[in-house]
Amino acid sequence: MSGKTLTRADLTESLYEEIGLSRNESADLVESILGEISDSLIKGDNVKISSFGSFLVRQKNGRMGRNPKTGEEVPIDPRRVLVFRPSQVMKDRINN
């Protein structure tokens, strides 16, 4: 495992090299795609990218938690969480 993190700049550079868009056009395209995904998730919509996976927004109910240091009970507020579920194609690619 390499441990390298893929960044927006890496995505932009890949578009520049592989498709031939200018660096500015590549950056705009990456920002546009990420913006569309973010906007959909904020609205509560799911995002499914074929052969990659799905991003889902789930509602978690409030509950009582416990501070592990002190043992004190602490209320945890209800919240929305983002979940990623890889497609079977992606799981197969990762494991081969």
C-alpha atoms as a PDB file:
ATOM      1  CA  MET A   1       0.000   0.000   0.000  1.00  0.00           C
ATOM      2  CA  SER A   2       1.309   3.381  -0.947  1.00  0.00           C
ATOM      3  CA  GLY A   3      -0.661   5.516   1.516  1.00  0.00           C
ATOM      4  CA  LYS A   4      -0.886   8.427  -0.956  1.00  0.00           C
ATOM      5  CA  THR A   5      -3.990  10.598  -0.852  1.00  0.00           C
ATOM      6  CA  LEU A   6      -5.708  11.570  -4.101  1.00  0.00           C
ATOM      7  CA  THR A   7      -6.405  15.322  -4.122  1.00  0.00           C
ATOM      8  CA  ARG A   8      -8.363  17.737  -6.296  1.00  0.00           C
ATOM      9  CA  ALA A   9      -5.059  18.845  -7.789  1.00  0.00           C
ATOM     10  CA  ASP A  10      -4.296  15.218  -8.728  1.00  0.00           C
ATOM     11  CA  LEU A  11      -7.681  14.872 -10.431  1.00  0.00           C
ATOM     12  CA  THR A  12      -7.130  18.149 -12.267  1.00  0.00           C
ATOM     13  CA  GLU A  13      -3.672  17.059 -13.415  1.00  0.00           C
ATOM     14  CA  SER A  14      -5.050  13.707 -14.638  1.00  0.00           C
ATOM     15  CA  LEU A  15      -7.688  15.462 -16.742  1.00  0.00           C
ATOM     16  CA  TYR A  16      -5.032  17.795 -18.122  1.00  0.00           C
ATOM     17  CA  GLU A  17      -2.736  14.915 -19.100  1.00  0.00           C
ATOM     18  CA  GLU A  18      -5.254  12.323 -20.288  1.00  0.00           C
ATOM     19  CA  ILE A  19      -7.945  14.417 -21.983  1.00  0.00           C
ATOM     20  CA  GLY A  20      -5.949  17.450 -23.011  1.00  0.00           C
ATOM     21  CA  LEU A  21      -8.076  20.117 -21.369  1.00  0.00           C
ATOM     22  CA  SER A  22      -6.221  23.166 -20.137  1.00  0.00           C
ATOM     23  CA  ARG A  23      -5.345  23.196 -16.446  1.00  0.00           C
ATOM     24  CA  ASN A  24      -7.992  25.859 -15.805  1.00  0.00           C
ATOM     25  CA  GLU A  25     -10.671  23.911 -17.691  1.00  0.00           C
ATOM     26  CA  SER A  26      -9.657  20.736 -15.843  1.00  0.00           C
ATOM     27  CA  ALA A  27      -9.902  22.482 -12.472  1.00  0.00           C
ATOM     28  CA  ASP A  28     -13.310  23.935 -13.392  1.00  0.00           C
ATOM     29  CA  LEU A  29     -14.583  20.506 -14.439  1.00  0.00           C
ATOM     30  CA  VAL A  30     -13.407  18.857 -11.206  1.00  0.00           C
ATOM     31  CA  GLU A  31     -14.995  21.647  -9.136  1.00  0.00           C
ATOM     32  CA  SER A  32     -18.226  21.391 -11.109  1.00  0.00           C
ATOM     33  CA  ILE A  33     -18.506  17.612 -10.624  1.00  0.00           C
ATOM     34  CA  LEU A  34     -17.704  17.783  -6.913  1.00  0.00           C
ATOM     35  CA  GLY A  35     -20.146  20.674  -6.530  1.00  0.00           C
ATOM     36  CA  GLU A  36     -22.964  18.703  -8.161  1.00  0.00           C
ATOM     37  CA  ILE A  37     -22.287  15.708  -5.918  1.00  0.00           C
ATOM     38  CA  SER A  38     -22.165  17.919  -2.807  1.00  0.00           C
ATOM     39  CA  ASP A  39     -25.346  19.797  -3.717  1.00  0.00           C
ATOM     40  CA  SER A  40     -27.256  16.551  -4.243  1.00  0.00           C
ATOM     41  CA  LEU A  41     -26.085  15.135  -0.926  1.00  0.00           C
ATOM     42  CA  ILE A  42     -26.969  18.357   0.918  1.00  0.00           C
ATOM     43  CA  LYS A  43     -30.515  18.089  -0.489  1.00  0.00           C
ATOM     44  CA  GLY A  44     -30.668  14.545   0.891  1.00  0.00           C
ATOM     45  CA  ASP A  45     -30.461  12.811  -2.487  1.00  0.00           C
ATOM     46  CA  ASN A  46     -28.346   9.708  -3.003  1.00  0.00           C
ATOM     47  CA  VAL A  47     -25.534   9.792  -5.576  1.00  0.00           C
ATOM     48  CA  LYS A  48     -24.810   6.634  -7.553  1.00  0.00           C
ATOM     49  CA  ILE A  49     -21.786   6.400  -9.829  1.00  0.00           C
ATOM     50  CA  SER A  50     -21.942   3.272 -11.968  1.00  0.00           C
ATOM     51  CA  SER A  51     -19.082   0.777 -11.408  1.00  0.00           C
ATOM     52  CA  PHE A  52     -17.804   2.936  -8.535  1.00  0.00           C
ATOM     53  CA  GLY A  53     -20.339   3.145  -5.724  1.00  0.00           C
ATOM     54  CA  SER A  54     -23.085   5.093  -4.014  1.00  0.00           C
ATOM     55  CA  PHE A  55     -23.020   7.983  -1.572  1.00  0.00           C
ATOM     56  CA  LEU A  56     -25.986   7.874   0.794  1.00  0.00           C
ATOM     57  CA  VAL A  57     -27.167  10.337   3.419  1.00  0.00           C
ATOM     58  CA  ARG A  58     -28.556   8.610   6.499  1.00  0.00           C
ATOM     59  CA  GLN A  59     -30.375  10.086   9.463  1.00  0.00           C
ATOM     60  CA  LYS A  60     -29.067   8.960  12.859  1.00  0.00           C
ATOM     61  CA  ASN A  61     -31.307   9.310  15.889  1.00  0.00           C
ATOM     62  CA  GLY A  62     -30.205  10.983  19.068  1.00  0.00           C
ATOM     63  CA  ARG A  63     -28.942   8.702  21.823  1.00  0.00           C
ATOM     64  CA  MET A  64     -27.063   8.653  25.075  1.00  0.00           C
ATOM     65  CA  GLY A  65     -23.319   8.139  24.748  1.00  0.00           C
ATOM     66  CA  ARG A  66     -20.567   7.822  27.285  1.00  0.00           C
ATOM     67  CA  ASN A  67     -17.356   9.815  27.600  1.00  0.00           C
ATOM     68  CA  PRO A  68     -14.726   7.037  27.619  1.00  0.00           C
ATOM     69  CA  LYS A  69     -12.355   9.068  29.806  1.00  0.00           C
ATOM     70  CA  THR A  70     -14.747  10.024  32.586  1.00  0.00           C
ATOM     71  CA  GLY A  71     -17.563   7.505  32.149  1.00  0.00           C
ATOM     72  CA  GLU A  72     -20.021  10.416  32.185  1.00  0.00           C
ATOM     73  CA  GLU A  73     -23.167   9.978  30.091  1.00  0.00           C
ATOM     74  CA  VAL A  74     -23.472  12.550  27.322  1.00  0.00           C
ATOM     75  CA  PRO A  75     -26.431  13.108  24.974  1.00  0.00           C
ATOM     76  CA  ILE A  76     -25.593  12.744  21.275  1.00  0.00           C
ATOM     77  CA  ASP A  77     -27.804  14.899  19.052  1.00  0.00           C
ATOM     78  CA  PRO A  78     -29.596  13.503  15.983  1.00  0.00           C
ATOM     79  CA  ARG A  79     -27.609  14.116  12.818  1.00  0.00           C
ATOM     80  CA  ARG A  80     -27.193  13.223   9.187  1.00  0.00           C
ATOM     81  CA  VAL A  81     -24.187  11.152   8.192  1.00  0.00           C
ATOM     82  CA  LEU A  82     -22.619  10.424   4.825  1.00  0.00           C
ATOM     83  CA  VAL A  83     -22.096   6.777   3.898  1.00  0.00           C
ATOM     84  CA  PHE A  84     -20.199   5.378   0.919  1.00  0.00           C
ATOM     85  CA  ARG A  85     -21.059   1.936  -0.397  1.00  0.00           C
ATOM     86  CA  PRO A  86     -18.669   0.660  -3.074  1.00  0.00           C
ATOM     87  CA  SER A  87     -20.152  -1.206  -6.028  1.00  0.00           C
ATOM     88  CA  GLN A  88     -19.393  -4.887  -6.526  1.00  0.00           C
ATOM     89  CA  VAL A  89     -17.213  -3.915  -9.502  1.00  0.00           C
ATOM     90  CA  MET A  90     -15.124  -1.644  -7.250  1.00  0.00           C
ATOM     91  CA  LYS A  91     -14.887  -4.308  -4.534  1.00  0.00           C
ATOM     92  CA  ASP A  92     -13.650  -6.810  -7.129  1.00  0.00           C
ATOM     93  CA  ARG A  93     -11.067  -4.341  -8.482  1.00  0.00           C
ATOM     94  CA  ILE A  94      -9.754  -3.585  -5.000  1.00  0.00           C
ATOM     95  CA  ASN A  95      -9.411  -7.256  -4.104  1.00  0.00           C
ATOM     96  CA  ASN A  96      -7.626  -8.346  -7.299  1.00  0.00           C
END
